[in-house]
ModelCIF file with pLDDT and N, C-alpha, C, O atoms, coordinates in Angstrom:
data_MODEL
#
_entry.id   MODEL 
#
_entity.id                         1 
_entity.type                       polymer 
_entity.pdbx_number_of_molecules   1 
#
_entity_poly.entity_id                      1 
_entity_poly.type                           'polypeptide(L)' 
_entity_poly.nstd_linkage                   no 
_entity_poly.nstd_monomer                   no 
_entity_poly.pdbx_seq_one_letter_code       ICAIGEVVDVMRILAERKDLELRCSLDSNVPDQIVADKDVIQGVLHR 
_entity_poly.pdbx_seq_one_letter_code_can   ICAIGEVVDVMRILAERKDLELRCSLDSNVPDQIVADKDVIQGVLHR 
_entity_poly.pdbx_strand_id                 A 
#
loop_
_entity_poly_seq.entity_id 
_entity_poly_seq.num 
_entity_poly_seq.mon_id 
_entity_poly_seq.hetero 
1 1  ILE n 
1 2  CYS n 
1 3  ALA n 
1 4  ILE n 
1 5  GLY n 
1 6  GLU n 
1 7  VAL n 
1 8  VAL n 
1 9  ASP n 
1 10 VAL n 
1 11 MET n 
1 12 ARG n 
1 13 ILE n 
1 14 LEU n 
1 15 ALA n 
1 16 GLU n 
1 17 ARG n 
1 18 LYS n 
1 19 ASP n 
1 20 LEU n 
1 21 GLU n 
1 22 LEU n 
1 23 ARG n 
1 24 CYS n 
1 25 SER n 
1 26 LEU n 
1 27 ASP n 
1 28 SER n 
1 29 ASN n 
1 30 VAL n 
1 31 PRO n 
1 32 ASP n 
1 33 GLN n 
1 34 ILE n 
1 35 VAL n 
1 36 ALA n 
1 37 ASP n 
1 38 LYS n 
1 39 ASP n 
1 40 VAL n 
1 41 ILE n 
1 42 GLN n 
1 43 GLY n 
1 44 VAL n 
1 45 LEU n 
1 46 HIS n 
1 47 ARG n 
#
_struct_asym.id          A 
_struct_asym.entity_id   1 
#
loop_
_ma_qa_metric.id 
_ma_qa_metric.mode 
_ma_qa_metric.name 
_ma_qa_metric.software_group_id 
_ma_qa_metric.type 
1 global pLDDT . pLDDT 
2 local  pLDDT . pLDDT 
#
_ma_qa_metric_global.metric_id      1 
_ma_qa_metric_global.metric_value   88.17 
_ma_qa_metric_global.model_id       1 
_ma_qa_metric_global.ordinal_id     1 
#
loop_
_ma_qa_metric_local.label_asym_id 
_ma_qa_metric_local.label_comp_id 
_ma_qa_metric_local.label_seq_id 
_ma_qa_metric_local.metric_id 
_ma_qa_metric_local.metric_value 
_ma_qa_metric_local.model_id 
_ma_qa_metric_local.ordinal_id 
A ILE 1  2 89.00 1 1  
A CYS 2  2 88.00 1 2  
A ALA 3  2 89.00 1 3  
A ILE 4  2 90.00 1 4  
A GLY 5  2 89.00 1 5  
A GLU 6  2 87.00 1 6  
A VAL 7  2 89.00 1 7  
A VAL 8  2 90.00 1 8  
A ASP 9  2 88.00 1 9  
A VAL 10 2 85.00 1 10 
A MET 11 2 88.00 1 11 
A ARG 12 2 90.00 1 12 
A ILE 13 2 87.00 1 13 
A LEU 14 2 86.00 1 14 
A ALA 15 2 91.00 1 15 
A GLU 16 2 91.00 1 16 
A ARG 17 2 89.00 1 17 
A LYS 18 2 92.00 1 18 
A ASP 19 2 93.00 1 19 
A LEU 20 2 93.00 1 20 
A GLU 21 2 93.00 1 21 
A LEU 22 2 93.00 1 22 
A ARG 23 2 92.00 1 23 
A CYS 24 2 92.00 1 24 
A SER 25 2 92.00 1 25 
A LEU 26 2 90.00 1 26 
A ASP 27 2 88.00 1 27 
A SER 28 2 83.00 1 28 
A ASN 29 2 83.00 1 29 
A VAL 30 2 85.00 1 30 
A PRO 31 2 84.00 1 31 
A ASP 32 2 84.00 1 32 
A GLN 33 2 88.00 1 33 
A ILE 34 2 88.00 1 34 
A VAL 35 2 88.00 1 35 
A ALA 36 2 88.00 1 36 
A ASP 37 2 86.00 1 37 
A LYS 38 2 87.00 1 38 
A ASP 39 2 84.00 1 39 
A VAL 40 2 85.00 1 40 
A ILE 41 2 88.00 1 41 
A GLN 42 2 87.00 1 42 
A GLY 43 2 85.00 1 43 
A VAL 44 2 87.00 1 44 
A LEU 45 2 89.00 1 45 
A HIS 46 2 87.00 1 46 
A ARG 47 2 84.00 1 47 
#
loop_
_atom_site.group_PDB 
_atom_site.id 
_atom_site.type_symbol 
_atom_site.label_atom_id 
_atom_site.label_alt_id 
_atom_site.label_comp_id 
_atom_site.label_asym_id 
_atom_site.label_entity_id 
_atom_site.label_seq_id 
_atom_site.pdbx_PDB_ins_code 
_atom_site.Cartn_x 
_atom_site.Cartn_y 
_atom_site.Cartn_z 
_atom_site.occupancy 
_atom_site.B_iso_or_equiv 
_atom_site.pdbx_formal_charge 
_atom_site.auth_seq_id 
_atom_site.auth_comp_id 
_atom_site.auth_asym_id 
_atom_site.auth_atom_id 
_atom_site.pdbx_PDB_model_num 
ATOM 1   N N  . ILE A 1 1  ? 9.308  124.080 42.037 1.00 89.00 ? 1  ILE A N  1 
ATOM 2   C CA . ILE A 1 1  ? 9.208  124.005 43.584 1.00 89.00 ? 1  ILE A CA 1 
ATOM 3   C C  . ILE A 1 1  ? 8.188  122.879 43.914 1.00 89.00 ? 1  ILE A C  1 
ATOM 4   O O  . ILE A 1 1  ? 8.489  122.136 44.848 1.00 89.00 ? 1  ILE A O  1 
ATOM 5   N N  . CYS A 1 2  ? 7.163  122.693 43.341 1.00 88.00 ? 2  CYS A N  1 
ATOM 6   C CA . CYS A 1 2  ? 6.140  121.723 43.664 1.00 88.00 ? 2  CYS A CA 1 
ATOM 7   C C  . CYS A 1 2  ? 6.770  120.301 43.460 1.00 88.00 ? 2  CYS A C  1 
ATOM 8   O O  . CYS A 1 2  ? 6.615  119.394 44.278 1.00 88.00 ? 2  CYS A O  1 
ATOM 9   N N  . ALA A 1 3  ? 7.530  120.176 42.245 1.00 89.00 ? 3  ALA A N  1 
ATOM 10  C CA . ALA A 1 3  ? 8.003  118.859 41.855 1.00 89.00 ? 3  ALA A CA 1 
ATOM 11  C C  . ALA A 1 3  ? 9.044  118.361 42.713 1.00 89.00 ? 3  ALA A C  1 
ATOM 12  O O  . ALA A 1 3  ? 9.127  117.165 42.995 1.00 89.00 ? 3  ALA A O  1 
ATOM 13  N N  . ILE A 1 4  ? 9.893  119.295 43.166 1.00 90.00 ? 4  ILE A N  1 
ATOM 14  C CA . ILE A 1 4  ? 10.954 118.860 43.983 1.00 90.00 ? 4  ILE A CA 1 
ATOM 15  C C  . ILE A 1 4  ? 10.417 118.569 45.532 1.00 90.00 ? 4  ILE A C  1 
ATOM 16  O O  . ILE A 1 4  ? 10.779 117.651 46.268 1.00 90.00 ? 4  ILE A O  1 
ATOM 17  N N  . GLY A 1 5  ? 9.507  119.554 45.795 1.00 89.00 ? 5  GLY A N  1 
ATOM 18  C CA . GLY A 1 5  ? 8.773  119.305 47.159 1.00 89.00 ? 5  GLY A CA 1 
ATOM 19  C C  . GLY A 1 5  ? 8.220  117.991 47.209 1.00 89.00 ? 5  GLY A C  1 
ATOM 20  O O  . GLY A 1 5  ? 8.413  117.302 48.211 1.00 89.00 ? 5  GLY A O  1 
ATOM 21  N N  . GLU A 1 6  ? 7.515  117.538 46.186 1.00 87.00 ? 6  GLU A N  1 
ATOM 22  C CA . GLU A 1 6  ? 6.901  116.265 46.146 1.00 87.00 ? 6  GLU A CA 1 
ATOM 23  C C  . GLU A 1 6  ? 7.846  115.006 46.617 1.00 87.00 ? 6  GLU A C  1 
ATOM 24  O O  . GLU A 1 6  ? 7.564  114.185 47.490 1.00 87.00 ? 6  GLU A O  1 
ATOM 25  N N  . VAL A 1 7  ? 9.021  115.060 45.833 1.00 89.00 ? 7  VAL A N  1 
ATOM 26  C CA . VAL A 1 7  ? 9.956  114.070 46.186 1.00 89.00 ? 7  VAL A CA 1 
ATOM 27  C C  . VAL A 1 7  ? 10.595 114.202 47.620 1.00 89.00 ? 7  VAL A C  1 
ATOM 28  O O  . VAL A 1 7  ? 10.727 113.218 48.347 1.00 89.00 ? 7  VAL A O  1 
ATOM 29  N N  . VAL A 1 8  ? 10.985 115.471 47.989 1.00 90.00 ? 8  VAL A N  1 
ATOM 30  C CA . VAL A 1 8  ? 11.433 115.562 49.248 1.00 90.00 ? 8  VAL A CA 1 
ATOM 31  C C  . VAL A 1 8  ? 10.689 115.240 50.464 1.00 90.00 ? 8  VAL A C  1 
ATOM 32  O O  . VAL A 1 8  ? 11.198 114.829 51.507 1.00 90.00 ? 8  VAL A O  1 
ATOM 33  N N  . ASP A 1 9  ? 9.310  115.480 50.231 1.00 88.00 ? 9  ASP A N  1 
ATOM 34  C CA . ASP A 1 9  ? 8.457  115.169 51.304 1.00 88.00 ? 9  ASP A CA 1 
ATOM 35  C C  . ASP A 1 9  ? 8.330  113.628 51.525 1.00 88.00 ? 9  ASP A C  1 
ATOM 36  O O  . ASP A 1 9  ? 8.207  113.136 52.646 1.00 88.00 ? 9  ASP A O  1 
ATOM 37  N N  . VAL A 1 10 ? 8.368  112.946 50.431 1.00 85.00 ? 10 VAL A N  1 
ATOM 38  C CA . VAL A 1 10 ? 8.130  111.441 50.683 1.00 85.00 ? 10 VAL A CA 1 
ATOM 39  C C  . VAL A 1 10 ? 9.458  110.855 51.018 1.00 85.00 ? 10 VAL A C  1 
ATOM 40  O O  . VAL A 1 10 ? 9.422  109.801 51.652 1.00 85.00 ? 10 VAL A O  1 
ATOM 41  N N  . MET A 1 11 ? 10.674 111.368 50.695 1.00 88.00 ? 11 MET A N  1 
ATOM 42  C CA . MET A 1 11 ? 11.923 110.788 51.205 1.00 88.00 ? 11 MET A CA 1 
ATOM 43  C C  . MET A 1 11 ? 12.177 111.354 52.543 1.00 88.00 ? 11 MET A C  1 
ATOM 44  O O  . MET A 1 11 ? 13.012 110.745 53.211 1.00 88.00 ? 11 MET A O  1 
ATOM 45  N N  . ARG A 1 12 ? 11.635 112.380 53.062 1.00 90.00 ? 12 ARG A N  1 
ATOM 46  C CA . ARG A 1 12 ? 11.711 112.782 54.345 1.00 90.00 ? 12 ARG A CA 1 
ATOM 47  C C  . ARG A 1 12 ? 11.213 111.792 55.427 1.00 90.00 ? 12 ARG A C  1 
ATOM 48  O O  . ARG A 1 12 ? 11.779 111.574 56.498 1.00 90.00 ? 12 ARG A O  1 
ATOM 49  N N  . ILE A 1 13 ? 10.061 111.224 54.981 1.00 87.00 ? 13 ILE A N  1 
ATOM 50  C CA . ILE A 1 13 ? 9.360  110.175 55.867 1.00 87.00 ? 13 ILE A CA 1 
ATOM 51  C C  . ILE A 1 13 ? 10.454 109.033 56.033 1.00 87.00 ? 13 ILE A C  1 
ATOM 52  O O  . ILE A 1 13 ? 10.643 108.515 57.134 1.00 87.00 ? 13 ILE A O  1 
ATOM 53  N N  . LEU A 1 14 ? 11.133 108.677 54.954 1.00 86.00 ? 14 LEU A N  1 
ATOM 54  C CA . LEU A 1 14 ? 12.097 107.535 55.115 1.00 86.00 ? 14 LEU A CA 1 
ATOM 55  C C  . LEU A 1 14 ? 13.261 107.838 56.003 1.00 86.00 ? 14 LEU A C  1 
ATOM 56  O O  . LEU A 1 14 ? 13.735 107.048 56.820 1.00 86.00 ? 14 LEU A O  1 
ATOM 57  N N  . ALA A 1 15 ? 13.708 109.143 55.753 1.00 91.00 ? 15 ALA A N  1 
ATOM 58  C CA . ALA A 1 15 ? 14.863 109.747 56.457 1.00 91.00 ? 15 ALA A CA 1 
ATOM 59  C C  . ALA A 1 15 ? 14.486 109.731 58.067 1.00 91.00 ? 15 ALA A C  1 
ATOM 60  O O  . ALA A 1 15 ? 15.275 109.238 58.873 1.00 91.00 ? 15 ALA A O  1 
ATOM 61  N N  . GLU A 1 16 ? 13.354 110.246 58.438 1.00 91.00 ? 16 GLU A N  1 
ATOM 62  C CA . GLU A 1 16 ? 12.981 110.171 59.848 1.00 91.00 ? 16 GLU A CA 1 
ATOM 63  C C  . GLU A 1 16 ? 12.816 108.968 60.434 1.00 91.00 ? 16 GLU A C  1 
ATOM 64  O O  . GLU A 1 16 ? 12.788 108.919 61.664 1.00 91.00 ? 16 GLU A O  1 
ATOM 65  N N  . ARG A 1 17 ? 12.690 107.877 59.714 1.00 89.00 ? 17 ARG A N  1 
ATOM 66  C CA . ARG A 1 17 ? 12.606 106.564 60.185 1.00 89.00 ? 17 ARG A CA 1 
ATOM 67  C C  . ARG A 1 17 ? 14.072 106.101 60.754 1.00 89.00 ? 17 ARG A C  1 
ATOM 68  O O  . ARG A 1 17 ? 14.221 105.258 61.638 1.00 89.00 ? 17 ARG A O  1 
ATOM 69  N N  . LYS A 1 18 ? 15.048 106.753 60.136 1.00 92.00 ? 18 LYS A N  1 
ATOM 70  C CA . LYS A 1 18 ? 16.442 106.413 60.673 1.00 92.00 ? 18 LYS A CA 1 
ATOM 71  C C  . LYS A 1 18 ? 17.013 107.594 61.449 1.00 92.00 ? 18 LYS A C  1 
ATOM 72  O O  . LYS A 1 18 ? 18.226 107.678 61.636 1.00 92.00 ? 18 LYS A O  1 
ATOM 73  N N  . ASP A 1 19 ? 16.114 108.553 61.925 1.00 93.00 ? 19 ASP A N  1 
ATOM 74  C CA . ASP A 1 19 ? 16.555 109.719 62.589 1.00 93.00 ? 19 ASP A CA 1 
ATOM 75  C C  . ASP A 1 19 ? 17.604 110.463 61.991 1.00 93.00 ? 19 ASP A C  1 
ATOM 76  O O  . ASP A 1 19 ? 18.575 110.919 62.595 1.00 93.00 ? 19 ASP A O  1 
ATOM 77  N N  . LEU A 1 20 ? 17.332 110.582 60.592 1.00 93.00 ? 20 LEU A N  1 
ATOM 78  C CA . LEU A 1 20 ? 18.133 111.518 59.770 1.00 93.00 ? 20 LEU A CA 1 
ATOM 79  C C  . LEU A 1 20 ? 17.366 112.884 59.556 1.00 93.00 ? 20 LEU A C  1 
ATOM 80  O O  . LEU A 1 20 ? 16.136 112.916 59.557 1.00 93.00 ? 20 LEU A O  1 
ATOM 81  N N  . GLU A 1 21 ? 18.073 113.909 59.389 1.00 93.00 ? 21 GLU A N  1 
ATOM 82  C CA . GLU A 1 21 ? 17.602 114.996 59.063 1.00 93.00 ? 21 GLU A CA 1 
ATOM 83  C C  . GLU A 1 21 ? 17.824 115.252 57.433 1.00 93.00 ? 21 GLU A C  1 
ATOM 84  O O  . GLU A 1 21 ? 18.915 115.118 56.880 1.00 93.00 ? 21 GLU A O  1 
ATOM 85  N N  . LEU A 1 22 ? 16.599 115.643 56.768 1.00 93.00 ? 22 LEU A N  1 
ATOM 86  C CA . LEU A 1 22 ? 16.577 115.857 55.325 1.00 93.00 ? 22 LEU A CA 1 
ATOM 87  C C  . LEU A 1 22 ? 16.125 117.371 55.013 1.00 93.00 ? 22 LEU A C  1 
ATOM 88  O O  . LEU A 1 22 ? 14.947 117.705 55.146 1.00 93.00 ? 22 LEU A O  1 
ATOM 89  N N  . ARG A 1 23 ? 17.057 118.210 54.619 1.00 92.00 ? 23 ARG A N  1 
ATOM 90  C CA . ARG A 1 23 ? 16.925 119.545 54.405 1.00 92.00 ? 23 ARG A CA 1 
ATOM 91  C C  . ARG A 1 23 ? 16.915 119.813 52.889 1.00 92.00 ? 23 ARG A C  1 
ATOM 92  O O  . ARG A 1 23 ? 17.526 119.045 52.146 1.00 92.00 ? 23 ARG A O  1 
ATOM 93  N N  . CYS A 1 24 ? 16.223 120.908 52.387 1.00 92.00 ? 24 CYS A N  1 
ATOM 94  C CA . CYS A 1 24 ? 16.231 121.261 51.089 1.00 92.00 ? 24 CYS A CA 1 
ATOM 95  C C  . CYS A 1 24 ? 16.085 122.782 50.918 1.00 92.00 ? 24 CYS A C  1 
ATOM 96  O O  . CYS A 1 24 ? 15.151 123.376 51.456 1.00 92.00 ? 24 CYS A O  1 
ATOM 97  N N  . SER A 1 25 ? 17.029 123.428 50.151 1.00 92.00 ? 25 SER A N  1 
ATOM 98  C CA . SER A 1 25 ? 17.146 124.821 50.005 1.00 92.00 ? 25 SER A CA 1 
ATOM 99  C C  . SER A 1 25 ? 17.231 125.076 48.435 1.00 92.00 ? 25 SER A C  1 
ATOM 100 O O  . SER A 1 25 ? 17.834 124.358 47.638 1.00 92.00 ? 25 SER A O  1 
ATOM 101 N N  . LEU A 1 26 ? 16.486 126.279 48.129 1.00 90.00 ? 26 LEU A N  1 
ATOM 102 C CA . LEU A 1 26 ? 16.488 126.803 46.747 1.00 90.00 ? 26 LEU A CA 1 
ATOM 103 C C  . LEU A 1 26 ? 16.958 128.057 46.726 1.00 90.00 ? 26 LEU A C  1 
ATOM 104 O O  . LEU A 1 26 ? 16.501 128.919 47.477 1.00 90.00 ? 26 LEU A O  1 
ATOM 105 N N  . ASP A 1 27 ? 17.887 128.279 45.895 1.00 88.00 ? 27 ASP A N  1 
ATOM 106 C CA . ASP A 1 27 ? 18.406 129.633 45.718 1.00 88.00 ? 27 ASP A CA 1 
ATOM 107 C C  . ASP A 1 27 ? 17.381 130.567 45.087 1.00 88.00 ? 27 ASP A C  1 
ATOM 108 O O  . ASP A 1 27 ? 16.544 130.113 44.307 1.00 88.00 ? 27 ASP A O  1 
ATOM 109 N N  . SER A 1 28 ? 17.424 131.852 45.402 1.00 83.00 ? 28 SER A N  1 
ATOM 110 C CA . SER A 1 28 ? 16.538 132.794 45.005 1.00 83.00 ? 28 SER A CA 1 
ATOM 111 C C  . SER A 1 28 ? 16.417 133.000 43.421 1.00 83.00 ? 28 SER A C  1 
ATOM 112 O O  . SER A 1 28 ? 15.399 133.438 42.885 1.00 83.00 ? 28 SER A O  1 
ATOM 113 N N  . ASN A 1 29 ? 17.509 132.655 42.783 1.00 83.00 ? 29 ASN A N  1 
ATOM 114 C CA . ASN A 1 29 ? 17.416 132.801 41.446 1.00 83.00 ? 29 ASN A CA 1 
ATOM 115 C C  . ASN A 1 29 ? 17.007 131.653 40.475 1.00 83.00 ? 29 ASN A C  1 
ATOM 116 O O  . ASN A 1 29 ? 17.187 131.653 39.258 1.00 83.00 ? 29 ASN A O  1 
ATOM 117 N N  . VAL A 1 30 ? 16.386 130.610 41.271 1.00 85.00 ? 30 VAL A N  1 
ATOM 118 C CA . VAL A 1 30 ? 15.896 129.389 40.655 1.00 85.00 ? 30 VAL A CA 1 
ATOM 119 C C  . VAL A 1 30 ? 14.404 129.668 40.135 1.00 85.00 ? 30 VAL A C  1 
ATOM 120 O O  . VAL A 1 30 ? 13.588 130.105 40.947 1.00 85.00 ? 30 VAL A O  1 
ATOM 121 N N  . PRO A 1 31 ? 14.068 129.459 38.970 1.00 84.00 ? 31 PRO A N  1 
ATOM 122 C CA . PRO A 1 31 ? 12.655 130.036 38.473 1.00 84.00 ? 31 PRO A CA 1 
ATOM 123 C C  . PRO A 1 31 ? 11.804 128.865 38.993 1.00 84.00 ? 31 PRO A C  1 
ATOM 124 O O  . PRO A 1 31 ? 12.346 127.804 39.306 1.00 84.00 ? 31 PRO A O  1 
ATOM 125 N N  . ASP A 1 32 ? 10.502 129.044 39.087 1.00 84.00 ? 32 ASP A N  1 
ATOM 126 C CA . ASP A 1 32 ? 9.631  128.138 39.564 1.00 84.00 ? 32 ASP A CA 1 
ATOM 127 C C  . ASP A 1 32 ? 8.929  127.514 38.374 1.00 84.00 ? 32 ASP A C  1 
ATOM 128 O O  . ASP A 1 32 ? 8.990  126.287 38.301 1.00 84.00 ? 32 ASP A O  1 
ATOM 129 N N  . GLN A 1 33 ? 8.304  128.141 37.477 1.00 88.00 ? 33 GLN A N  1 
ATOM 130 C CA . GLN A 1 33 ? 7.676  127.652 36.220 1.00 88.00 ? 33 GLN A CA 1 
ATOM 131 C C  . GLN A 1 33 ? 8.593  127.381 35.099 1.00 88.00 ? 33 GLN A C  1 
ATOM 132 O O  . GLN A 1 33 ? 9.069  128.314 34.451 1.00 88.00 ? 33 GLN A O  1 
ATOM 133 N N  . ILE A 1 34 ? 8.860  126.166 34.841 1.00 88.00 ? 34 ILE A N  1 
ATOM 134 C CA . ILE A 1 34 ? 10.015 125.862 33.972 1.00 88.00 ? 34 ILE A CA 1 
ATOM 135 C C  . ILE A 1 34 ? 9.428  124.835 32.881 1.00 88.00 ? 34 ILE A C  1 
ATOM 136 O O  . ILE A 1 34 ? 8.368  124.251 33.106 1.00 88.00 ? 34 ILE A O  1 
ATOM 137 N N  . VAL A 1 35 ? 10.119 124.642 31.744 1.00 88.00 ? 35 VAL A N  1 
ATOM 138 C CA . VAL A 1 35 ? 9.819  123.528 30.938 1.00 88.00 ? 35 VAL A CA 1 
ATOM 139 C C  . VAL A 1 35 ? 11.013 122.572 30.785 1.00 88.00 ? 35 VAL A C  1 
ATOM 140 O O  . VAL A 1 35 ? 12.120 122.931 30.385 1.00 88.00 ? 35 VAL A O  1 
ATOM 141 N N  . ALA A 1 36 ? 10.672 121.296 31.147 1.00 88.00 ? 36 ALA A N  1 
ATOM 142 C CA . ALA A 1 36 ? 11.671 120.303 31.292 1.00 88.00 ? 36 ALA A CA 1 
ATOM 143 C C  . ALA A 1 36 ? 10.987 118.986 31.276 1.00 88.00 ? 36 ALA A C  1 
ATOM 144 O O  . ALA A 1 36 ? 9.769  118.906 31.121 1.00 88.00 ? 36 ALA A O  1 
ATOM 145 N N  . ASP A 1 37 ? 11.842 117.834 31.451 1.00 86.00 ? 37 ASP A N  1 
ATOM 146 C CA . ASP A 1 37 ? 11.251 116.625 31.587 1.00 86.00 ? 37 ASP A CA 1 
ATOM 147 C C  . ASP A 1 37 ? 11.067 116.288 33.105 1.00 86.00 ? 37 ASP A C  1 
ATOM 148 O O  . ASP A 1 37 ? 12.019 115.884 33.772 1.00 86.00 ? 37 ASP A O  1 
ATOM 149 N N  . LYS A 1 38 ? 9.941  116.448 33.578 1.00 87.00 ? 38 LYS A N  1 
ATOM 150 C CA . LYS A 1 38 ? 9.648  116.437 34.977 1.00 87.00 ? 38 LYS A CA 1 
ATOM 151 C C  . LYS A 1 38 ? 9.983  115.039 35.642 1.00 87.00 ? 38 LYS A C  1 
ATOM 152 O O  . LYS A 1 38 ? 10.518 114.909 36.743 1.00 87.00 ? 38 LYS A O  1 
ATOM 153 N N  . ASP A 1 39 ? 9.571  113.984 34.776 1.00 84.00 ? 39 ASP A N  1 
ATOM 154 C CA . ASP A 1 39 ? 9.850  112.531 35.157 1.00 84.00 ? 39 ASP A CA 1 
ATOM 155 C C  . ASP A 1 39 ? 11.347 112.418 35.433 1.00 84.00 ? 39 ASP A C  1 
ATOM 156 O O  . ASP A 1 39 ? 11.687 111.825 36.457 1.00 84.00 ? 39 ASP A O  1 
ATOM 157 N N  . VAL A 1 40 ? 12.236 112.909 34.654 1.00 85.00 ? 40 VAL A N  1 
ATOM 158 C CA . VAL A 1 40 ? 13.684 112.728 34.856 1.00 85.00 ? 40 VAL A CA 1 
ATOM 159 C C  . VAL A 1 40 ? 14.178 113.421 36.045 1.00 85.00 ? 40 VAL A C  1 
ATOM 160 O O  . VAL A 1 40 ? 14.991 112.880 36.794 1.00 85.00 ? 40 VAL A O  1 
ATOM 161 N N  . ILE A 1 41 ? 13.703 114.634 36.255 1.00 88.00 ? 41 ILE A N  1 
ATOM 162 C CA . ILE A 1 41 ? 14.186 115.530 37.422 1.00 88.00 ? 41 ILE A CA 1 
ATOM 163 C C  . ILE A 1 41 ? 13.781 114.709 38.736 1.00 88.00 ? 41 ILE A C  1 
ATOM 164 O O  . ILE A 1 41 ? 14.589 114.451 39.628 1.00 88.00 ? 41 ILE A O  1 
ATOM 165 N N  . GLN A 1 42 ? 12.460 114.336 38.749 1.00 87.00 ? 42 GLN A N  1 
ATOM 166 C CA . GLN A 1 42 ? 11.971 113.620 40.030 1.00 87.00 ? 42 GLN A CA 1 
ATOM 167 C C  . GLN A 1 42 ? 12.573 112.234 40.218 1.00 87.00 ? 42 GLN A C  1 
ATOM 168 O O  . GLN A 1 42 ? 12.941 111.800 41.309 1.00 87.00 ? 42 GLN A O  1 
ATOM 169 N N  . GLY A 1 43 ? 12.642 111.573 39.059 1.00 85.00 ? 43 GLY A N  1 
ATOM 170 C CA . GLY A 1 43 ? 13.186 110.105 39.127 1.00 85.00 ? 43 GLY A CA 1 
ATOM 171 C C  . GLY A 1 43 ? 14.581 110.106 39.522 1.00 85.00 ? 43 GLY A C  1 
ATOM 172 O O  . GLY A 1 43 ? 14.970 109.275 40.342 1.00 85.00 ? 43 GLY A O  1 
ATOM 173 N N  . VAL A 1 44 ? 15.378 110.967 39.012 1.00 87.00 ? 44 VAL A N  1 
ATOM 174 C CA . VAL A 1 44 ? 16.772 110.928 39.324 1.00 87.00 ? 44 VAL A CA 1 
ATOM 175 C C  . VAL A 1 44 ? 17.031 111.478 40.863 1.00 87.00 ? 44 VAL A C  1 
ATOM 176 O O  . VAL A 1 44 ? 17.886 110.990 41.603 1.00 87.00 ? 44 VAL A O  1 
ATOM 177 N N  . LEU A 1 45 ? 16.197 112.520 41.210 1.00 89.00 ? 45 LEU A N  1 
ATOM 178 C CA . LEU A 1 45 ? 16.415 113.081 42.554 1.00 89.00 ? 45 LEU A CA 1 
ATOM 179 C C  . LEU A 1 45 ? 15.926 112.035 43.620 1.00 89.00 ? 45 LEU A C  1 
ATOM 180 O O  . LEU A 1 45 ? 16.479 112.030 44.720 1.00 89.00 ? 45 LEU A O  1 
ATOM 181 N N  . HIS A 1 46 ? 14.996 111.224 43.366 1.00 87.00 ? 46 HIS A N  1 
ATOM 182 C CA . HIS A 1 46 ? 14.388 110.208 44.131 1.00 87.00 ? 46 HIS A CA 1 
ATOM 183 C C  . HIS A 1 46 ? 15.417 109.092 44.262 1.00 87.00 ? 46 HIS A C  1 
ATOM 184 O O  . HIS A 1 46 ? 15.622 108.556 45.351 1.00 87.00 ? 46 HIS A O  1 
ATOM 185 N N  . ARG A 1 47 ? 16.043 108.752 43.185 1.00 84.00 ? 47 ARG A N  1 
ATOM 186 C CA . ARG A 1 47 ? 17.105 107.593 43.305 1.00 84.00 ? 47 ARG A CA 1 
ATOM 187 C C  . ARG A 1 47 ? 18.394 108.012 44.135 1.00 84.00 ? 47 ARG A C  1 
ATOM 188 O O  . ARG A 1 47 ? 19.306 107.204 44.308 1.00 84.00 ? 47 ARG A O  1 
#
C-alpha cells in the first residue's frame, strides 16, 4: 500500500498540472505486507 501510494502521490501532481484526475483503488483481497521486488513494481507503475 505504501509503495503504490508513493508512486501515485508523485504522479498525481503531474496529472493535476494537466487537469487530469488520477484515481487508485485496491481490492480488499490485496495483502499489504508482501515479499517482491519493490523497485520493479514501483518503476514499472511509474513508467
